[in-house]
Each structure stands twice: as structure tokens, then as C-alpha cells.
């Protein structure tokens, strides 16, 4: 069974956030890292994974992405800090 992910990336200085969703998180992170992801992540060098959530259904991940994109920036940072208080880059295995 496939899993889907809603994820948040940031730049080195943690000044910008990028929110997306995907079925293959590892591959998508590689695409962002190699400049083949979104134009935004390339422009702002937002390639550090700082938060992600896992879903069973694609529509749930897409819905969560839309929800988070509509949140105030402060709410997004509070969500991230709840699970990653030091805002460290998450390394996938």
C-alpha cells in the first residue's frame, strides 16, 4: 500500500517555508536538492526537510497541503516546533 506525505522545507537560515505533498518523499527531496523541484525551492534554496506528515490516501495529503498553505506563518512555525523544536534538518533513512 502506498503512503503519501505532506512536507515542509526551509532554507539554511529558516527564513522561508515551502509546503508540498508527494508519494515518494525521498525522491522528491532529491529533486528539490538537485534544482528539479519547485521554482520556489530553487530560488530560495529551501531544501531542508523540517517537518512531514504521513497519510494513507493521496487526497488526505493534498488536503493537508492546502490547509497548511492557508495557515498564518506563525501557526506553521508552531506546528513545526511542536515536533522539531530545534528546527533541525530531518534526515530520512
N, C-alpha and C. Protein backbone atom coordinates (compact mmCIF):
# COMPACT_ATOMS: atom_id res chain seq x y z
N UNK A 1 0.84 -1.19 0.00
CA UNK A 1 0.00 0.00 0.00
C UNK A 1 0.88 1.24 0.00
N UNK A 2 0.54 2.17 -0.85
CA UNK A 2 1.30 3.42 -0.95
C UNK A 2 1.04 4.32 0.24
N UNK A 3 2.03 5.12 0.54
CA UNK A 3 1.89 6.16 1.56
C UNK A 3 2.13 7.48 0.88
N UNK A 4 1.52 8.51 1.41
CA UNK A 4 1.66 9.86 0.87
C UNK A 4 2.12 10.78 1.98
N UNK A 5 2.79 11.84 1.58
CA UNK A 5 3.39 12.73 2.57
C UNK A 5 3.08 14.19 2.26
N UNK A 6 2.83 14.94 3.30
CA UNK A 6 2.79 16.39 3.24
C UNK A 6 4.05 16.82 3.97
N UNK A 7 4.82 17.71 3.37
CA UNK A 7 6.12 18.05 3.95
C UNK A 7 6.37 19.55 3.92
N UNK A 8 7.27 19.98 4.80
CA UNK A 8 7.66 21.38 4.87
C UNK A 8 9.18 21.46 4.76
N UNK A 9 9.63 22.29 3.84
CA UNK A 9 11.06 22.55 3.64
C UNK A 9 11.37 23.97 4.05
N UNK A 10 12.62 24.21 4.40
CA UNK A 10 13.07 25.56 4.72
C UNK A 10 14.50 25.74 4.22
N UNK A 11 14.95 26.97 4.22
CA UNK A 11 16.33 27.26 3.83
C UNK A 11 17.24 27.15 5.06
N UNK A 12 18.52 27.33 4.85
CA UNK A 12 19.50 27.18 5.92
C UNK A 12 19.23 28.12 7.10
N UNK A 13 18.81 29.35 6.81
CA UNK A 13 18.57 30.34 7.86
C UNK A 13 17.17 30.28 8.45
N UNK A 14 16.35 29.36 7.95
CA UNK A 14 14.98 29.17 8.44
C UNK A 14 14.14 30.45 8.29
N UNK A 15 14.27 31.11 7.16
CA UNK A 15 13.52 32.35 6.93
C UNK A 15 12.34 32.15 5.98
N UNK A 16 12.31 31.04 5.24
CA UNK A 16 11.20 30.77 4.32
C UNK A 16 10.73 29.33 4.51
N UNK A 17 9.47 29.10 4.15
CA UNK A 17 8.89 27.76 4.22
C UNK A 17 8.30 27.39 2.87
N UNK A 18 8.45 26.12 2.51
CA UNK A 18 7.81 25.57 1.32
C UNK A 18 7.02 24.35 1.75
N UNK A 19 5.78 24.26 1.31
CA UNK A 19 4.92 23.14 1.67
C UNK A 19 4.53 22.39 0.40
N UNK A 20 4.64 21.08 0.45
CA UNK A 20 4.28 20.26 -0.70
C UNK A 20 3.75 18.91 -0.25
N UNK A 21 3.34 18.09 -1.24
CA UNK A 21 2.95 16.72 -0.94
C UNK A 21 3.48 15.80 -2.03
N UNK A 22 3.67 14.54 -1.69
CA UNK A 22 4.25 13.59 -2.64
C UNK A 22 3.98 12.17 -2.20
N UNK A 23 4.19 11.23 -3.11
CA UNK A 23 4.08 9.82 -2.78
C UNK A 23 5.45 9.26 -2.39
N UNK A 24 6.51 9.83 -2.94
CA UNK A 24 7.86 9.35 -2.66
C UNK A 24 8.68 10.51 -2.09
N UNK A 25 8.72 10.59 -0.79
CA UNK A 25 9.36 11.72 -0.12
C UNK A 25 10.86 11.77 -0.40
N UNK A 26 11.54 10.64 -0.35
CA UNK A 26 12.98 10.62 -0.59
C UNK A 26 13.31 11.13 -2.00
N UNK A 27 12.58 10.65 -2.99
CA UNK A 27 12.82 11.08 -4.37
C UNK A 27 12.51 12.56 -4.54
N UNK A 28 11.43 13.01 -3.94
CA UNK A 28 11.04 14.42 -4.07
C UNK A 28 12.09 15.33 -3.43
N UNK A 29 12.66 14.92 -2.30
CA UNK A 29 13.70 15.71 -1.66
C UNK A 29 14.94 15.80 -2.55
N UNK A 30 15.26 14.70 -3.21
CA UNK A 30 16.39 14.69 -4.15
C UNK A 30 16.13 15.66 -5.30
N UNK A 31 14.91 15.68 -5.80
CA UNK A 31 14.55 16.61 -6.89
C UNK A 31 14.74 18.05 -6.44
N UNK A 32 14.26 18.37 -5.24
CA UNK A 32 14.44 19.73 -4.71
C UNK A 32 15.93 20.04 -4.57
N UNK A 33 16.67 19.11 -4.02
CA UNK A 33 18.11 19.30 -3.79
C UNK A 33 18.86 19.55 -5.10
N UNK A 34 18.45 18.87 -6.16
CA UNK A 34 19.10 18.99 -7.47
C UNK A 34 18.52 20.10 -8.34
N UNK A 35 17.65 20.94 -7.76
CA UNK A 35 17.09 22.06 -8.50
C UNK A 35 16.01 21.67 -9.48
N UNK A 36 15.48 20.46 -9.34
CA UNK A 36 14.44 19.99 -10.25
C UNK A 36 13.08 19.93 -9.57
N UNK A 37 12.97 20.51 -8.40
CA UNK A 37 11.71 20.56 -7.69
C UNK A 37 10.98 21.82 -8.12
N UNK A 38 10.34 22.46 -7.21
CA UNK A 38 9.60 23.68 -7.49
C UNK A 38 10.54 24.86 -7.73
N UNK A 39 10.09 25.81 -8.52
CA UNK A 39 10.88 27.02 -8.79
C UNK A 39 11.18 27.75 -7.48
N UNK A 40 10.21 27.76 -6.57
CA UNK A 40 10.37 28.45 -5.28
C UNK A 40 11.54 27.88 -4.49
N UNK A 41 11.62 26.55 -4.42
CA UNK A 41 12.69 25.94 -3.62
C UNK A 41 14.05 26.20 -4.23
N UNK A 42 14.12 26.26 -5.54
CA UNK A 42 15.38 26.56 -6.22
C UNK A 42 15.78 28.01 -5.96
N UNK A 43 14.81 28.91 -6.10
CA UNK A 43 15.08 30.35 -5.92
C UNK A 43 15.55 30.67 -4.50
N UNK A 44 14.90 30.07 -3.50
CA UNK A 44 15.21 30.38 -2.11
C UNK A 44 16.07 29.31 -1.42
N UNK A 45 16.55 28.34 -2.19
CA UNK A 45 17.39 27.27 -1.66
C UNK A 45 16.75 26.59 -0.45
N UNK A 46 15.47 26.32 -0.56
CA UNK A 46 14.71 25.68 0.52
C UNK A 46 14.73 24.18 0.31
N UNK A 47 15.75 23.54 0.83
CA UNK A 47 15.91 22.10 0.60
C UNK A 47 16.00 21.29 1.89
N UNK A 48 15.90 21.94 3.04
CA UNK A 48 15.99 21.22 4.32
C UNK A 48 14.60 20.78 4.77
N UNK A 49 14.42 19.46 4.90
CA UNK A 49 13.17 18.92 5.42
C UNK A 49 13.12 19.18 6.92
N UNK A 50 12.09 19.92 7.36
CA UNK A 50 12.00 20.21 8.79
C UNK A 50 10.71 19.66 9.41
N UNK A 51 9.78 19.18 8.56
CA UNK A 51 8.54 18.59 9.08
C UNK A 51 7.89 17.77 7.97
N UNK A 52 7.29 16.64 8.35
CA UNK A 52 6.47 15.90 7.39
C UNK A 52 5.42 15.09 8.14
N UNK A 53 4.34 14.81 7.43
CA UNK A 53 3.25 14.00 7.96
C UNK A 53 2.93 12.92 6.93
N UNK A 54 2.56 11.74 7.41
CA UNK A 54 2.29 10.59 6.54
C UNK A 54 0.79 10.32 6.47
N UNK A 55 0.32 9.96 5.27
CA UNK A 55 -1.10 9.70 5.05
C UNK A 55 -1.29 8.43 4.24
N UNK A 56 -2.45 7.80 4.41
CA UNK A 56 -2.80 6.60 3.65
C UNK A 56 -3.32 6.95 2.26
N UNK A 57 -4.01 8.08 2.16
CA UNK A 57 -4.65 8.46 0.90
C UNK A 57 -4.04 9.74 0.33
N UNK A 58 -3.92 9.77 -0.99
CA UNK A 58 -3.37 10.94 -1.68
C UNK A 58 -4.21 12.19 -1.39
N UNK A 59 -5.53 12.03 -1.41
CA UNK A 59 -6.39 13.20 -1.20
C UNK A 59 -6.22 13.80 0.20
N UNK A 60 -5.85 12.95 1.18
CA UNK A 60 -5.61 13.46 2.53
C UNK A 60 -4.33 14.31 2.56
N UNK A 61 -3.29 13.84 1.91
CA UNK A 61 -2.03 14.59 1.87
C UNK A 61 -2.21 15.90 1.12
N UNK A 62 -2.93 15.86 0.01
CA UNK A 62 -3.17 17.06 -0.78
C UNK A 62 -4.03 18.06 0.00
N UNK A 63 -5.02 17.55 0.71
CA UNK A 63 -5.88 18.40 1.53
C UNK A 63 -5.09 19.06 2.65
N UNK A 64 -4.19 18.30 3.27
CA UNK A 64 -3.35 18.84 4.35
C UNK A 64 -2.42 19.92 3.81
N UNK A 65 -1.86 19.68 2.61
CA UNK A 65 -1.00 20.68 1.99
C UNK A 65 -1.77 21.99 1.80
N UNK A 66 -2.97 21.90 1.26
CA UNK A 66 -3.78 23.10 1.04
C UNK A 66 -4.11 23.79 2.35
N UNK A 67 -4.43 22.99 3.37
CA UNK A 67 -4.74 23.55 4.68
C UNK A 67 -3.55 24.33 5.24
N UNK A 68 -2.37 23.69 5.21
CA UNK A 68 -1.18 24.34 5.76
C UNK A 68 -0.79 25.59 4.97
N UNK A 69 -0.97 25.56 3.67
CA UNK A 69 -0.64 26.74 2.85
C UNK A 69 -1.52 27.93 3.21
N UNK A 70 -2.71 27.66 3.74
CA UNK A 70 -3.62 28.74 4.12
C UNK A 70 -3.42 29.22 5.56
N UNK A 71 -2.59 28.54 6.31
CA UNK A 71 -2.32 28.95 7.68
C UNK A 71 -1.45 30.20 7.73
N UNK A 72 -1.56 30.93 8.83
CA UNK A 72 -0.65 32.04 9.09
C UNK A 72 0.75 31.46 9.33
N UNK A 73 1.75 32.24 8.99
CA UNK A 73 3.14 31.77 9.13
C UNK A 73 3.44 31.33 10.57
N UNK A 74 2.93 32.08 11.53
CA UNK A 74 3.17 31.75 12.95
C UNK A 74 2.61 30.37 13.30
N UNK A 75 1.44 30.04 12.77
CA UNK A 75 0.84 28.73 13.03
C UNK A 75 1.72 27.63 12.45
N UNK A 76 2.26 27.86 11.25
CA UNK A 76 3.14 26.86 10.62
C UNK A 76 4.38 26.63 11.48
N UNK A 77 4.98 27.72 11.94
CA UNK A 77 6.18 27.58 12.78
C UNK A 77 5.86 26.87 14.08
N UNK A 78 4.69 27.14 14.66
CA UNK A 78 4.29 26.46 15.90
C UNK A 78 4.12 24.96 15.67
N UNK A 79 3.54 24.58 14.55
CA UNK A 79 3.38 23.16 14.21
C UNK A 79 4.76 22.50 14.08
N UNK A 80 5.64 23.13 13.35
CA UNK A 80 6.98 22.58 13.14
C UNK A 80 7.71 22.42 14.47
N UNK A 81 7.67 23.47 15.30
CA UNK A 81 8.39 23.44 16.58
C UNK A 81 7.82 22.44 17.56
N UNK A 82 6.55 22.07 17.39
CA UNK A 82 5.94 21.08 18.26
C UNK A 82 6.65 19.72 18.10
N UNK A 83 7.05 19.40 16.89
CA UNK A 83 7.69 18.12 16.61
C UNK A 83 9.20 18.24 16.42
N UNK A 84 9.67 19.42 16.09
CA UNK A 84 11.09 19.64 15.81
C UNK A 84 11.50 20.98 16.44
N UNK A 85 11.57 21.03 17.78
CA UNK A 85 11.79 22.29 18.48
C UNK A 85 13.09 23.01 18.10
N UNK A 86 14.11 22.26 17.70
CA UNK A 86 15.38 22.89 17.36
C UNK A 86 15.51 23.21 15.86
N UNK A 87 14.42 22.92 15.13
CA UNK A 87 14.36 23.19 13.69
C UNK A 87 15.51 22.54 12.92
N UNK A 88 15.88 21.35 13.37
CA UNK A 88 16.96 20.63 12.70
C UNK A 88 16.47 19.98 11.42
N UNK A 89 17.37 19.86 10.46
CA UNK A 89 17.06 19.16 9.21
C UNK A 89 16.79 17.69 9.52
N UNK A 90 15.71 17.16 8.98
CA UNK A 90 15.36 15.77 9.18
C UNK A 90 16.01 14.95 8.08
N UNK A 91 16.75 13.93 8.48
CA UNK A 91 17.40 13.03 7.53
C UNK A 91 16.58 11.75 7.43
N UNK A 92 16.18 11.40 6.23
CA UNK A 92 15.43 10.15 6.04
C UNK A 92 16.40 9.01 5.88
N UNK A 93 15.98 7.83 6.29
CA UNK A 93 16.85 6.65 6.20
C UNK A 93 16.69 5.96 4.88
